[in-house]
PDB file of all heavy atoms in Angstrom:
ATOM      1  N   MET A   1       8.553   3.486 -32.199  1.00  0.00           N
ATOM      2  CA  MET A   1       7.208   3.066 -32.249  1.00  0.00           C
ATOM      3  C   MET A   1       6.804   2.668 -30.778  1.00  0.00           C
ATOM      4  O   MET A   1       5.563   2.959 -30.413  1.00  0.00           O
ATOM      5  CB  MET A   1       6.952   1.909 -33.174  1.00  0.00           C
ATOM      6  CG  MET A   1       5.510   1.767 -33.432  1.00  0.00           C
ATOM      7  SD  MET A   1       4.691   3.007 -34.353  1.00  0.00           S
ATOM      8  CE  MET A   1       3.914   2.203 -35.590  1.00  0.00           C
ATOM      9  N   LYS A   2       7.589   2.131 -29.952  1.00  0.00           N
ATOM     10  CA  LYS A   2       7.264   1.660 -28.652  1.00  0.00           C
ATOM     11  C   LYS A   2       6.787   2.813 -27.698  1.00  0.00           C
ATOM     12  O   LYS A   2       5.859   2.647 -26.991  1.00  0.00           O
ATOM     13  CB  LYS A   2       8.458   0.938 -27.991  1.00  0.00           C
ATOM     14  CG  LYS A   2       8.038   0.222 -26.813  1.00  0.00           C
ATOM     15  CD  LYS A   2       9.118  -0.696 -26.335  1.00  0.00           C
ATOM     16  CE  LYS A   2       8.713  -1.580 -25.139  1.00  0.00           C
ATOM     17  NZ  LYS A   2       9.689  -2.413 -24.737  1.00  0.00           N
ATOM     18  N   PRO A   3       7.432   4.035 -27.822  1.00  0.00           N
ATOM     19  CA  PRO A   3       7.081   5.126 -26.871  1.00  0.00           C
ATOM     20  C   PRO A   3       5.611   5.505 -27.199  1.00  0.00           C
ATOM     21  O   PRO A   3       4.866   5.901 -26.308  1.00  0.00           O
ATOM     22  CB  PRO A   3       8.017   6.249 -27.284  1.00  0.00           C
ATOM     23  CG  PRO A   3       9.227   5.566 -27.860  1.00  0.00           C
ATOM     24  CD  PRO A   3       8.750   4.281 -28.474  1.00  0.00           C
ATOM     25  N   TYR A   4       5.154   5.366 -28.513  1.00  0.00           N
ATOM     26  CA  TYR A   4       3.847   5.862 -28.753  1.00  0.00           C
ATOM     27  C   TYR A   4       2.747   4.751 -28.171  1.00  0.00           C
ATOM     28  O   TYR A   4       1.721   5.221 -27.790  1.00  0.00           O
ATOM     29  CB  TYR A   4       3.575   5.857 -30.266  1.00  0.00           C
ATOM     30  CG  TYR A   4       4.341   7.074 -30.984  1.00  0.00           C
ATOM     31  CD1 TYR A   4       5.447   6.771 -31.816  1.00  0.00           C
ATOM     32  CD2 TYR A   4       3.971   8.323 -30.594  1.00  0.00           C
ATOM     33  CE1 TYR A   4       6.072   7.965 -32.392  1.00  0.00           C
ATOM     34  CE2 TYR A   4       4.755   9.394 -31.152  1.00  0.00           C
ATOM     35  CZ  TYR A   4       5.697   9.172 -31.977  1.00  0.00           C
ATOM     36  OH  TYR A   4       6.352  10.251 -32.632  1.00  0.00           O
ATOM     37  N   LYS A   5       3.139   3.439 -28.192  1.00  0.00           N
ATOM     38  CA  LYS A   5       2.293   2.506 -27.597  1.00  0.00           C
ATOM     39  C   LYS A   5       2.147   2.789 -26.030  1.00  0.00           C
ATOM     40  O   LYS A   5       1.033   2.579 -25.489  1.00  0.00           O
ATOM     41  CB  LYS A   5       2.891   1.110 -27.780  1.00  0.00           C
ATOM     42  CG  LYS A   5       2.662   0.584 -29.231  1.00  0.00           C
ATOM     43  CD  LYS A   5       3.210  -0.772 -29.322  1.00  0.00           C
ATOM     44  CE  LYS A   5       2.970  -1.315 -30.687  1.00  0.00           C
ATOM     45  NZ  LYS A   5       3.448  -2.724 -30.852  1.00  0.00           N
ATOM     46  N   ASN A   6       3.247   3.141 -25.459  1.00  0.00           N
ATOM     47  CA  ASN A   6       3.184   3.471 -24.006  1.00  0.00           C
ATOM     48  C   ASN A   6       2.280   4.678 -23.748  1.00  0.00           C
ATOM     49  O   ASN A   6       1.584   4.648 -22.786  1.00  0.00           O
ATOM     50  CB  ASN A   6       4.607   3.748 -23.485  1.00  0.00           C
ATOM     51  CG  ASN A   6       5.383   2.460 -23.441  1.00  0.00           C
ATOM     52  OD1 ASN A   6       4.899   1.379 -23.341  1.00  0.00           O
ATOM     53  ND2 ASN A   6       6.681   2.584 -23.264  1.00  0.00           N
ATOM     54  N   LEU A   7       2.455   5.706 -24.629  1.00  0.00           N
ATOM     55  CA  LEU A   7       1.699   6.836 -24.402  1.00  0.00           C
ATOM     56  C   LEU A   7       0.103   6.570 -24.732  1.00  0.00           C
ATOM     57  O   LEU A   7      -0.707   7.121 -23.987  1.00  0.00           O
ATOM     58  CB  LEU A   7       2.050   8.046 -25.443  1.00  0.00           C
ATOM     59  CG  LEU A   7       3.260   8.744 -25.125  1.00  0.00           C
ATOM     60  CD1 LEU A   7       3.632   9.739 -26.208  1.00  0.00           C
ATOM     61  CD2 LEU A   7       3.050   9.524 -23.783  1.00  0.00           C
ATOM     62  N   LEU A   8      -0.152   5.758 -25.652  1.00  0.00           N
ATOM     63  CA  LEU A   8      -1.505   5.269 -25.979  1.00  0.00           C
ATOM     64  C   LEU A   8      -2.142   4.571 -24.757  1.00  0.00           C
ATOM     65  O   LEU A   8      -3.249   4.833 -24.231  1.00  0.00           O
ATOM     66  CB  LEU A   8      -1.617   4.454 -27.170  1.00  0.00           C
ATOM     67  CG  LEU A   8      -2.941   4.002 -27.639  1.00  0.00           C
ATOM     68  CD1 LEU A   8      -3.871   5.235 -27.979  1.00  0.00           C
ATOM     69  CD2 LEU A   8      -2.895   3.140 -28.867  1.00  0.00           C
ATOM     70  N   PHE A   9      -1.288   3.670 -24.165  1.00  0.00           N
ATOM     71  CA  PHE A   9      -1.689   2.926 -22.956  1.00  0.00           C
ATOM     72  C   PHE A   9      -2.045   3.854 -21.834  1.00  0.00           C
ATOM     73  O   PHE A   9      -3.016   3.742 -21.162  1.00  0.00           O
ATOM     74  CB  PHE A   9      -0.614   1.908 -22.560  1.00  0.00           C
ATOM     75  CG  PHE A   9      -0.945   1.178 -21.243  1.00  0.00           C
ATOM     76  CD1 PHE A   9      -1.933   0.194 -21.230  1.00  0.00           C
ATOM     77  CD2 PHE A   9      -0.203   1.570 -20.107  1.00  0.00           C
ATOM     78  CE1 PHE A   9      -2.231  -0.478 -20.042  1.00  0.00           C
ATOM     79  CE2 PHE A   9      -0.559   0.912 -18.955  1.00  0.00           C
ATOM     80  CZ  PHE A   9      -1.594  -0.010 -18.872  1.00  0.00           C
ATOM     81  N   ILE A  10      -1.134   4.855 -21.578  1.00  0.00           N
ATOM     82  CA  ILE A  10      -1.270   5.773 -20.446  1.00  0.00           C
ATOM     83  C   ILE A  10      -2.510   6.576 -20.710  1.00  0.00           C
ATOM     84  O   ILE A  10      -3.326   6.823 -19.763  1.00  0.00           O
ATOM     85  CB  ILE A  10      -0.043   6.719 -20.333  1.00  0.00           C
ATOM     86  CG1 ILE A  10       1.095   5.769 -19.760  1.00  0.00           C
ATOM     87  CG2 ILE A  10      -0.256   7.859 -19.349  1.00  0.00           C
ATOM     88  CD1 ILE A  10       2.503   6.451 -19.834  1.00  0.00           C
ATOM     89  N   PHE A  11      -2.693   7.127 -21.898  1.00  0.00           N
ATOM     90  CA  PHE A  11      -3.878   7.927 -22.275  1.00  0.00           C
ATOM     91  C   PHE A  11      -5.161   7.143 -21.970  1.00  0.00           C
ATOM     92  O   PHE A  11      -6.140   7.616 -21.497  1.00  0.00           O
ATOM     93  CB  PHE A  11      -3.782   8.377 -23.646  1.00  0.00           C
ATOM     94  CG  PHE A  11      -4.849   9.292 -24.132  1.00  0.00           C
ATOM     95  CD1 PHE A  11      -4.991  10.590 -23.550  1.00  0.00           C
ATOM     96  CD2 PHE A  11      -5.881   8.815 -24.957  1.00  0.00           C
ATOM     97  CE1 PHE A  11      -6.050  11.474 -23.898  1.00  0.00           C
ATOM     98  CE2 PHE A  11      -6.901   9.733 -25.323  1.00  0.00           C
ATOM     99  CZ  PHE A  11      -7.082  10.960 -24.792  1.00  0.00           C
ATOM    100  N   SER A  12      -5.263   5.910 -22.464  1.00  0.00           N
ATOM    101  CA  SER A  12      -6.317   5.052 -22.337  1.00  0.00           C
ATOM    102  C   SER A  12      -6.657   4.722 -20.862  1.00  0.00           C
ATOM    103  O   SER A  12      -7.843   4.767 -20.400  1.00  0.00           O
ATOM    104  CB  SER A  12      -6.201   3.711 -23.027  1.00  0.00           C
ATOM    105  OG  SER A  12      -6.002   3.866 -24.351  1.00  0.00           O
ATOM    106  N   PHE A  13      -5.604   4.520 -20.114  1.00  0.00           N
ATOM    107  CA  PHE A  13      -5.673   4.294 -18.645  1.00  0.00           C
ATOM    108  C   PHE A  13      -6.315   5.492 -17.965  1.00  0.00           C
ATOM    109  O   PHE A  13      -7.203   5.455 -17.107  1.00  0.00           O
ATOM    110  CB  PHE A  13      -4.336   3.932 -18.092  1.00  0.00           C
ATOM    111  CG  PHE A  13      -4.454   3.761 -16.532  1.00  0.00           C
ATOM    112  CD1 PHE A  13      -4.855   2.477 -16.076  1.00  0.00           C
ATOM    113  CD2 PHE A  13      -3.964   4.695 -15.629  1.00  0.00           C
ATOM    114  CE1 PHE A  13      -4.929   2.249 -14.611  1.00  0.00           C
ATOM    115  CE2 PHE A  13      -3.996   4.405 -14.336  1.00  0.00           C
ATOM    116  CZ  PHE A  13      -4.504   3.259 -13.838  1.00  0.00           C
ATOM    117  N   LEU A  14      -5.723   6.734 -18.355  1.00  0.00           N
ATOM    118  CA  LEU A  14      -6.356   7.927 -17.638  1.00  0.00           C
ATOM    119  C   LEU A  14      -7.829   8.172 -18.097  1.00  0.00           C
ATOM    120  O   LEU A  14      -8.469   8.548 -17.170  1.00  0.00           O
ATOM    121  CB  LEU A  14      -5.487   9.154 -18.201  1.00  0.00           C
ATOM    122  CG  LEU A  14      -4.044   9.250 -17.612  1.00  0.00           C
ATOM    123  CD1 LEU A  14      -3.327  10.296 -18.209  1.00  0.00           C
ATOM    124  CD2 LEU A  14      -4.088   9.414 -16.088  1.00  0.00           C
ATOM    125  N   LEU A  15      -8.077   7.917 -19.280  1.00  0.00           N
ATOM    126  CA  LEU A  15      -9.607   8.011 -19.589  1.00  0.00           C
ATOM    127  C   LEU A  15     -10.500   7.047 -18.889  1.00  0.00           C
ATOM    128  O   LEU A  15     -11.506   7.488 -18.398  1.00  0.00           O
ATOM    129  CB  LEU A  15      -9.730   7.780 -21.150  1.00  0.00           C
ATOM    130  CG  LEU A  15      -9.346   8.965 -22.005  1.00  0.00           C
ATOM    131  CD1 LEU A  15      -9.629   8.495 -23.493  1.00  0.00           C
ATOM    132  CD2 LEU A  15     -10.153  10.131 -21.731  1.00  0.00           C
ATOM    133  N   CYS A  16     -10.056   5.860 -18.705  1.00  0.00           N
ATOM    134  CA  CYS A  16     -10.857   4.873 -17.984  1.00  0.00           C
ATOM    135  C   CYS A  16     -10.969   5.357 -16.563  1.00  0.00           C
ATOM    136  O   CYS A  16     -11.978   5.147 -15.864  1.00  0.00           O
ATOM    137  CB  CYS A  16     -10.146   3.460 -18.090  1.00  0.00           C
ATOM    138  SG  CYS A  16     -10.450   2.640 -19.626  1.00  0.00           S
ATOM    139  N   GLY A  17      -9.864   5.705 -15.934  1.00  0.00           N
ATOM    140  CA  GLY A  17      -9.820   6.181 -14.565  1.00  0.00           C
ATOM    141  C   GLY A  17     -10.744   7.372 -14.306  1.00  0.00           C
ATOM    142  O   GLY A  17     -11.447   7.511 -13.276  1.00  0.00           O
ATOM    143  N   GLN A  18     -10.837   8.218 -15.329  1.00  0.00           N
ATOM    144  CA  GLN A  18     -11.686   9.485 -15.229  1.00  0.00           C
ATOM    145  C   GLN A  18     -13.116   8.949 -15.304  1.00  0.00           C
ATOM    146  O   GLN A  18     -13.965   9.457 -14.480  1.00  0.00           O
ATOM    147  CB  GLN A  18     -11.487  10.426 -16.383  1.00  0.00           C
ATOM    148  CG  GLN A  18     -12.240  11.629 -16.221  1.00  0.00           C
ATOM    149  CD  GLN A  18     -11.903  12.660 -17.408  1.00  0.00           C
ATOM    150  OE1 GLN A  18     -11.231  12.345 -18.365  1.00  0.00           O
ATOM    151  NE2 GLN A  18     -12.491  13.852 -17.318  1.00  0.00           N
ATOM    152  N   ALA A  19     -13.474   8.009 -15.994  1.00  0.00           N
ATOM    153  CA  ALA A  19     -14.818   7.439 -16.147  1.00  0.00           C
ATOM    154  C   ALA A  19     -15.209   6.737 -14.842  1.00  0.00           C
ATOM    155  O   ALA A  19     -16.381   7.015 -14.337  1.00  0.00           O
ATOM    156  CB  ALA A  19     -15.011   6.469 -17.261  1.00  0.00           C
ATOM    157  N   PHE A  20     -14.280   6.033 -14.231  1.00  0.00           N
ATOM    158  CA  PHE A  20     -14.529   5.368 -12.971  1.00  0.00           C
ATOM    159  C   PHE A  20     -14.815   6.453 -11.901  1.00  0.00           C
ATOM    160  O   PHE A  20     -15.670   6.282 -11.089  1.00  0.00           O
ATOM    161  CB  PHE A  20     -13.538   4.327 -12.576  1.00  0.00           C
ATOM    162  CG  PHE A  20     -13.683   3.043 -13.385  1.00  0.00           C
ATOM    163  CD1 PHE A  20     -12.562   2.623 -14.033  1.00  0.00           C
ATOM    164  CD2 PHE A  20     -14.781   2.313 -13.286  1.00  0.00           C
ATOM    165  CE1 PHE A  20     -12.670   1.435 -14.791  1.00  0.00           C
ATOM    166  CE2 PHE A  20     -14.861   1.141 -14.047  1.00  0.00           C
ATOM    167  CZ  PHE A  20     -13.788   0.736 -14.821  1.00  0.00           C
ATOM    168  N   ALA A  21     -13.948   7.491 -11.875  1.00  0.00           N
ATOM    169  CA  ALA A  21     -14.050   8.567 -10.858  1.00  0.00           C
ATOM    170  C   ALA A  21     -15.296   9.226 -10.986  1.00  0.00           C
ATOM    171  O   ALA A  21     -15.989   9.505  -9.956  1.00  0.00           O
ATOM    172  CB  ALA A  21     -12.871   9.572 -11.082  1.00  0.00           C
ATOM    173  N   GLN A  22     -15.835   9.503 -12.216  1.00  0.00           N
ATOM    174  CA  GLN A  22     -17.039  10.119 -12.460  1.00  0.00           C
ATOM    175  C   GLN A  22     -18.162   9.272 -11.914  1.00  0.00           C
ATOM    176  O   GLN A  22     -19.067   9.790 -11.208  1.00  0.00           O
ATOM    177  CB  GLN A  22     -17.322  10.557 -13.896  1.00  0.00           C
ATOM    178  CG  GLN A  22     -18.655  11.240 -14.154  1.00  0.00           C
ATOM    179  CD  GLN A  22     -18.736  11.540 -15.599  1.00  0.00           C
ATOM    180  OE1 GLN A  22     -17.997  11.183 -16.456  1.00  0.00           O
ATOM    181  NE2 GLN A  22     -19.817  12.194 -15.928  1.00  0.00           N
ATOM    182  N   ASN A  23     -18.201   8.023 -12.191  1.00  0.00           N
ATOM    183  CA  ASN A  23     -19.069   6.990 -11.703  1.00  0.00           C
ATOM    184  C   ASN A  23     -19.180   7.041 -10.164  1.00  0.00           C
ATOM    185  O   ASN A  23     -20.185   7.034  -9.592  1.00  0.00           O
ATOM    186  CB  ASN A  23     -18.772   5.631 -12.224  1.00  0.00           C
ATOM    187  CG  ASN A  23     -19.705   4.622 -11.868  1.00  0.00           C
ATOM    188  OD1 ASN A  23     -20.780   4.871 -11.314  1.00  0.00           O
ATOM    189  ND2 ASN A  23     -19.449   3.298 -12.183  1.00  0.00           N
ATOM    190  N   ASP A  24     -17.960   7.005  -9.538  1.00  0.00           N
ATOM    191  CA  ASP A  24     -17.903   7.083  -8.044  1.00  0.00           C
ATOM    192  C   ASP A  24     -18.505   8.395  -7.593  1.00  0.00           C
ATOM    193  O   ASP A  24     -19.222   8.361  -6.538  1.00  0.00           O
ATOM    194  CB  ASP A  24     -16.473   6.849  -7.575  1.00  0.00           C
ATOM    195  CG  ASP A  24     -16.033   5.548  -7.870  1.00  0.00           C
ATOM    196  OD1 ASP A  24     -16.759   4.515  -8.048  1.00  0.00           O
ATOM    197  OD2 ASP A  24     -14.717   5.276  -7.770  1.00  0.00           O
ATOM    198  N   VAL A  25     -18.369   9.461  -8.208  1.00  0.00           N
ATOM    199  CA  VAL A  25     -18.750  10.663  -7.739  1.00  0.00           C
ATOM    200  C   VAL A  25     -20.375  10.734  -7.817  1.00  0.00           C
ATOM    201  O   VAL A  25     -20.993  11.177  -6.874  1.00  0.00           O
ATOM    202  CB  VAL A  25     -18.157  11.891  -8.493  1.00  0.00           C
ATOM    203  CG1 VAL A  25     -18.925  13.236  -8.223  1.00  0.00           C
ATOM    204  CG2 VAL A  25     -16.724  12.109  -8.233  1.00  0.00           C
ATOM    205  N   THR A  26     -20.922  10.205  -8.844  1.00  0.00           N
ATOM    206  CA  THR A  26     -22.364  10.172  -9.041  1.00  0.00           C
ATOM    207  C   THR A  26     -22.977   9.285  -7.981  1.00  0.00           C
ATOM    208  O   THR A  26     -24.025   9.703  -7.291  1.00  0.00           O
ATOM    209  CB  THR A  26     -22.739   9.667 -10.516  1.00  0.00           C
ATOM    210  OG1 THR A  26     -22.153  10.595 -11.529  1.00  0.00           O
ATOM    211  CG2 THR A  26     -24.222   9.629 -10.658  1.00  0.00           C
ATOM    212  N   ILE A  27     -22.356   8.077  -7.774  1.00  0.00           N
ATOM    213  CA  ILE A  27     -22.865   7.122  -6.821  1.00  0.00           C
ATOM    214  C   ILE A  27     -22.798   7.777  -5.350  1.00  0.00           C
ATOM    215  O   ILE A  27     -23.776   7.766  -4.669  1.00  0.00           O
ATOM    216  CB  ILE A  27     -22.241   5.796  -6.823  1.00  0.00           C
ATOM    217  CG1 ILE A  27     -22.523   5.111  -8.185  1.00  0.00           C
ATOM    218  CG2 ILE A  27     -22.656   4.927  -5.683  1.00  0.00           C
ATOM    219  CD1 ILE A  27     -23.947   4.822  -8.571  1.00  0.00           C
ATOM    220  N   ALA A  28     -21.724   8.441  -5.059  1.00  0.00           N
ATOM    221  CA  ALA A  28     -21.479   9.037  -3.791  1.00  0.00           C
ATOM    222  C   ALA A  28     -22.466  10.182  -3.655  1.00  0.00           C
ATOM    223  O   ALA A  28     -23.002  10.325  -2.462  1.00  0.00           O
ATOM    224  CB  ALA A  28     -20.078   9.597  -3.693  1.00  0.00           C
ATOM    225  N   ALA A  29     -22.790  10.941  -4.549  1.00  0.00           N
ATOM    226  CA  ALA A  29     -23.761  12.049  -4.467  1.00  0.00           C
ATOM    227  C   ALA A  29     -25.193  11.384  -4.181  1.00  0.00           C
ATOM    228  O   ALA A  29     -25.982  12.063  -3.384  1.00  0.00           O
ATOM    229  CB  ALA A  29     -23.829  12.909  -5.723  1.00  0.00           C
ATOM    230  N   ILE A  30     -25.566  10.397  -4.822  1.00  0.00           N
ATOM    231  CA  ILE A  30     -26.907   9.867  -4.576  1.00  0.00           C
ATOM    232  C   ILE A  30     -26.921   9.261  -3.224  1.00  0.00           C
ATOM    233  O   ILE A  30     -27.920   9.449  -2.477  1.00  0.00           O
ATOM    234  CB  ILE A  30     -27.187   8.687  -5.669  1.00  0.00           C
ATOM    235  CG1 ILE A  30     -27.343   9.433  -7.018  1.00  0.00           C
ATOM    236  CG2 ILE A  30     -28.383   7.869  -5.305  1.00  0.00           C
ATOM    237  CD1 ILE A  30     -27.375   8.409  -8.200  1.00  0.00           C
ATOM    238  N   ARG A  31     -25.802   8.619  -2.755  1.00  0.00           N
ATOM    239  CA  ARG A  31     -25.830   8.022  -1.383  1.00  0.00           C
ATOM    240  C   ARG A  31     -25.919   9.153  -0.291  1.00  0.00           C
ATOM    241  O   ARG A  31     -26.517   9.046   0.665  1.00  0.00           O
ATOM    242  CB  ARG A  31     -24.565   7.255  -1.195  1.00  0.00           C
ATOM    243  CG  ARG A  31     -24.655   5.889  -1.892  1.00  0.00           C
ATOM    244  CD  ARG A  31     -23.351   5.035  -1.696  1.00  0.00           C
ATOM    245  NE  ARG A  31     -23.467   3.800  -2.368  1.00  0.00           N
ATOM    246  CZ  ARG A  31     -22.472   3.104  -2.737  1.00  0.00           C
ATOM    247  NH1 ARG A  31     -21.233   3.506  -2.591  1.00  0.00           N
ATOM    248  NH2 ARG A  31     -22.637   1.874  -3.357  1.00  0.00           N
ATOM    249  N   LYS A  32     -25.218  10.234  -0.607  1.00  0.00           N
ATOM    250  CA  LYS A  32     -25.232  11.420   0.332  1.00  0.00           C
ATOM    251  C   LYS A  32     -26.663  11.959   0.455  1.00  0.00           C
ATOM    252  O   LYS A  32     -27.184  12.163   1.535  1.00  0.00           O
ATOM    253  CB  LYS A  32     -24.206  12.525  -0.180  1.00  0.00           C
ATOM    254  CG  LYS A  32     -24.082  13.654   0.744  1.00  0.00           C
ATOM    255  CD  LYS A  32     -23.102  14.716   0.222  1.00  0.00           C
ATOM    256  CE  LYS A  32     -23.121  15.864   1.125  1.00  0.00           C
ATOM    257  NZ  LYS A  32     -22.173  16.927   0.621  1.00  0.00           N
ATOM    258  N   GLU A  33     -27.350  12.059  -0.654  1.00  0.00           N
ATOM    259  CA  GLU A  33     -28.684  12.580  -0.561  1.00  0.00           C
ATOM    260  C   GLU A  33     -29.695  11.564   0.139  1.00  0.00           C
ATOM    261  O   GLU A  33     -30.501  11.954   0.960  1.00  0.00           O
ATOM    262  CB  GLU A  33     -29.206  12.861  -1.992  1.00  0.00           C
ATOM    263  CG  GLU A  33     -30.595  13.484  -2.041  1.00  0.00           C
ATOM    264  CD  GLU A  33     -30.832  14.862  -1.356  1.00  0.00           C
ATOM    265  OE1 GLU A  33     -29.673  15.422  -0.911  1.00  0.00           O
ATOM    266  OE2 GLU A  33     -31.950  15.370  -1.320  1.00  0.00           O
ATOM    267  N   TYR A  34     -29.461  10.278  -0.145  1.00  0.00           N
ATOM    268  CA  TYR A  34     -30.244   9.150   0.504  1.00  0.00           C
ATOM    269  C   TYR A  34     -29.985   9.278   1.965  1.00  0.00           C
ATOM    270  O   TYR A  34     -30.965   9.167   2.826  1.00  0.00           O
ATOM    271  CB  TYR A  34     -29.708   7.785  -0.010  1.00  0.00           C
ATOM    272  CG  TYR A  34     -30.205   6.601   0.663  1.00  0.00           C
ATOM    273  CD1 TYR A  34     -31.314   5.981   0.324  1.00  0.00           C
ATOM    274  CD2 TYR A  34     -29.348   6.042   1.705  1.00  0.00           C
ATOM    275  CE1 TYR A  34     -31.763   4.803   1.077  1.00  0.00           C
ATOM    276  CE2 TYR A  34     -29.835   4.903   2.456  1.00  0.00           C
ATOM    277  CZ  TYR A  34     -30.877   4.268   2.143  1.00  0.00           C
ATOM    278  OH  TYR A  34     -31.316   3.243   2.743  1.00  0.00           O
ATOM    279  N   ASN A  35     -28.765   9.373   2.403  1.00  0.00           N
ATOM    280  CA  ASN A  35     -28.445   9.420   3.922  1.00  0.00           C
ATOM    281  C   ASN A  35     -29.051  10.734   4.461  1.00  0.00           C
ATOM    282  O   ASN A  35     -29.545  10.797   5.595  1.00  0.00           O
ATOM    283  CB  ASN A  35     -26.933   9.344   4.109  1.00  0.00           C
ATOM    284  CG  ASN A  35     -26.449   7.987   3.927  1.00  0.00           C
ATOM    285  OD1 ASN A  35     -27.084   7.048   4.143  1.00  0.00           O
ATOM    286  ND2 ASN A  35     -25.231   7.895   3.539  1.00  0.00           N
TER     287      ASN A  35
END
């Protein structure tokens, strides 16, 4: 059971990281146009 918990944690971490990366890309694009 423990390996599944680790996989779930890694999968959740990757999803959160992808959301933050998308957020950063959007903000960076707006800042680039502003500049």
